[in-house]
N, C-alpha and C. Protein backbone atom coordinates (compact mmCIF):
# COMPACT_ATOMS: atom_id res chain seq x y z
N UNK A 1 148.98 -128.94 59.23
CA UNK A 1 149.83 -128.65 60.39
C UNK A 1 150.87 -128.69 59.45
N UNK A 2 151.98 -127.75 59.92
CA UNK A 2 153.32 -127.67 59.07
C UNK A 2 154.35 -128.07 59.98
N UNK A 3 155.53 -129.08 59.53
CA UNK A 3 156.66 -129.57 60.56
C UNK A 3 157.33 -129.22 59.82
N UNK A 4 158.73 -128.44 60.38
CA UNK A 4 159.78 -128.28 60.18
C UNK A 4 160.72 -129.50 60.09
N UNK A 5 161.41 -129.80 59.00
CA UNK A 5 162.32 -131.04 59.09
C UNK A 5 163.48 -130.70 59.46
N UNK A 6 164.05 -131.67 60.44
CA UNK A 6 165.21 -131.47 60.93
C UNK A 6 166.26 -132.16 59.98
N UNK A 7 167.56 -131.39 60.30
CA UNK A 7 168.67 -132.28 59.36
C UNK A 7 169.32 -133.02 59.83
N UNK A 8 169.37 -134.39 59.14
CA UNK A 8 170.16 -135.30 59.91
C UNK A 8 171.32 -135.28 60.09
N UNK A 9 171.96 -134.47 59.16
CA UNK A 9 173.74 -134.37 59.11
C UNK A 9 173.99 -133.22 60.38
N UNK A 10 173.16 -132.22 60.25
CA UNK A 10 173.50 -131.12 61.13
C UNK A 10 172.64 -131.25 62.34
N UNK A 11 173.05 -132.05 63.25
CA UNK A 11 171.76 -132.17 64.52
C UNK A 11 171.64 -131.30 65.23
N UNK A 12 170.31 -131.36 65.31
CA UNK A 12 169.69 -130.18 66.15
C UNK A 12 169.03 -129.20 65.43
N UNK A 13 169.44 -129.11 63.88
CA UNK A 13 169.49 -127.91 63.15
C UNK A 13 168.34 -128.10 62.28
N UNK A 14 167.30 -127.34 61.62
CA UNK A 14 166.58 -127.57 60.74
C UNK A 14 167.07 -127.54 59.44
N UNK A 15 166.51 -128.43 58.50
CA UNK A 15 167.07 -128.54 57.08
C UNK A 15 166.96 -127.41 56.60
N UNK A 16 168.29 -126.76 55.74
CA UNK A 16 167.93 -125.68 55.22
C UNK A 16 168.17 -125.89 53.60
N UNK A 17 168.00 -126.78 53.29
CA UNK A 17 167.69 -127.35 51.54
C UNK A 17 169.17 -126.82 51.04
N UNK A 18 170.18 -127.12 51.76
CA UNK A 18 171.63 -126.75 51.00
C UNK A 18 172.04 -127.50 50.01
N UNK A 19 171.43 -128.51 49.81
CA UNK A 19 171.92 -129.41 48.45
C UNK A 19 170.69 -128.61 47.38
N UNK A 20 171.19 -128.49 46.31
CA UNK A 20 170.37 -127.63 45.30
C UNK A 20 169.18 -129.10 44.65
N UNK A 21 167.90 -128.76 44.77
CA UNK A 21 167.15 -129.81 43.69
C UNK A 21 166.53 -130.51 45.27
N UNK A 22 167.04 -130.51 46.40
CA UNK A 22 166.46 -131.29 47.46
C UNK A 22 164.87 -130.48 47.92
N UNK A 23 164.22 -131.20 48.34
CA UNK A 23 162.89 -130.80 48.93
C UNK A 23 162.95 -130.90 50.52
N UNK A 24 163.83 -131.61 51.00
CA UNK A 24 164.35 -132.09 52.26
C UNK A 24 164.84 -133.28 52.45
N UNK A 25 165.17 -133.74 53.87
CA UNK A 25 165.98 -134.79 54.32
C UNK A 25 165.65 -136.09 53.17
N UNK A 26 164.29 -136.06 53.06
CA UNK A 26 163.77 -137.35 52.38
C UNK A 26 164.23 -137.86 51.18
N UNK A 27 164.91 -136.42 50.27
CA UNK A 27 165.69 -136.46 49.03
C UNK A 27 167.02 -136.04 48.82
N UNK A 28 167.60 -135.73 49.95
CA UNK A 28 168.89 -135.04 50.16
C UNK A 28 170.01 -135.89 49.63
N UNK A 29 170.78 -135.81 48.57
CA UNK A 29 171.69 -136.50 48.04
C UNK A 29 172.79 -136.66 49.18
N UNK A 30 172.98 -135.41 50.06
CA UNK A 30 174.08 -135.19 51.16
C UNK A 30 173.85 -136.37 52.18
N UNK A 31 172.32 -136.32 52.61
CA UNK A 31 172.23 -137.76 53.80
C UNK A 31 171.60 -138.64 53.13
N UNK A 32 171.35 -139.12 51.92
CA UNK A 32 171.51 -140.73 51.20
C UNK A 32 173.35 -140.76 51.29
N UNK A 33 174.45 -139.99 51.03
CA UNK A 33 175.46 -140.20 50.81
C UNK A 33 175.95 -140.83 52.23
N UNK A 34 175.78 -139.86 53.39
CA UNK A 34 176.07 -140.15 54.66
C UNK A 34 175.66 -141.22 55.08
N UNK A 35 174.25 -141.69 54.84
CA UNK A 35 173.50 -143.06 55.38
C UNK A 35 174.21 -144.41 54.60
N UNK A 36 174.56 -144.21 53.55
CA UNK A 36 175.17 -145.57 52.85
C UNK A 36 176.61 -145.51 52.92
N UNK A 37 177.55 -144.65 53.41
CA UNK A 37 178.75 -144.89 53.67
C UNK A 37 179.03 -145.20 55.02
N UNK A 38 179.67 -146.37 55.14
CA UNK A 38 179.80 -146.78 56.87
C UNK A 38 180.52 -145.75 57.44
N UNK A 39 181.75 -145.29 56.96
CA UNK A 39 182.84 -144.49 57.44
C UNK A 39 182.10 -143.00 57.96
N UNK A 40 181.42 -142.49 57.08
CA UNK A 40 180.61 -141.29 57.09
C UNK A 40 179.54 -141.13 58.14
N UNK A 41 178.81 -142.60 58.24
CA UNK A 41 177.76 -142.84 59.08
C UNK A 41 178.41 -143.02 60.53
N UNK A 42 179.60 -143.34 60.74
CA UNK A 42 180.60 -143.41 61.86
C UNK A 42 180.50 -142.11 62.49
N UNK A 43 181.29 -141.33 61.54
CA UNK A 43 181.53 -139.92 62.13
C UNK A 43 180.30 -139.21 62.41
N UNK A 44 179.06 -139.44 61.79
CA UNK A 44 177.92 -138.58 62.10
C UNK A 44 177.59 -139.15 63.61
N UNK A 45 177.72 -140.50 63.89
CA UNK A 45 177.17 -140.95 65.33
C UNK A 45 177.92 -140.15 66.06
N UNK A 46 179.15 -140.14 65.81
CA UNK A 46 180.44 -139.61 67.01
C UNK A 46 179.79 -138.09 67.16
N UNK A 47 179.79 -137.65 65.86
CA UNK A 47 179.33 -136.09 66.45
C UNK A 47 177.95 -135.80 66.89
N UNK A 48 176.86 -136.86 66.57
CA UNK A 48 175.69 -136.76 67.48
C UNK A 48 175.66 -136.86 68.69
N UNK A 49 176.83 -137.86 69.13
CA UNK A 49 176.90 -138.36 70.37
C UNK A 49 177.39 -137.19 71.45
N UNK A 50 178.72 -136.49 70.35
CA UNK A 50 179.38 -134.96 71.00
C UNK A 50 178.54 -134.26 71.35
N UNK A 51 177.38 -133.71 70.35
CA UNK A 51 176.26 -132.65 70.65
C UNK A 51 175.34 -132.80 72.07
N UNK A 52 175.03 -134.23 71.87
CA UNK A 52 173.89 -134.84 73.13
C UNK A 52 174.95 -134.43 74.10
N UNK A 53 176.08 -134.75 74.22
CA UNK A 53 176.96 -134.57 75.50
C UNK A 53 177.05 -133.21 75.88
N UNK A 54 177.40 -132.50 75.17
CA UNK A 54 177.62 -130.66 75.02
C UNK A 54 176.33 -130.38 75.60
N UNK A 55 174.94 -130.45 75.02
CA UNK A 55 173.51 -130.58 75.33
C UNK A 55 173.60 -130.49 76.95
N UNK A 56 173.85 -131.69 77.14
CA UNK A 56 173.68 -132.45 78.62
C UNK A 56 174.17 -131.76 79.56
N UNK A 57 175.22 -131.55 79.12
CA UNK A 57 176.21 -130.73 80.32
C UNK A 57 175.82 -129.36 80.33
N UNK A 58 175.21 -128.62 79.09
CA UNK A 58 174.91 -127.27 79.53
C UNK A 58 173.39 -126.69 80.11
N UNK A 59 173.07 -128.21 80.18
CA UNK A 59 171.59 -128.17 80.86
C UNK A 59 171.54 -128.55 82.27
N UNK A 60 172.66 -129.12 82.61
CA UNK A 60 172.86 -129.79 83.96
C UNK A 60 173.64 -129.03 84.70
């Protein structure tokens, strides 16, 4: 069974292997950087919350 990985940075989008050498989110240096940096992690959380709110608004 094949599962398409979702990008943890671009909420709701599939992993596009945008970082050379990465095989998915599990070894992506961009994902690691964002998860390790508190400021970037906070921005990511805000972006995800905004996307979820937009999605809920358009569905409602």
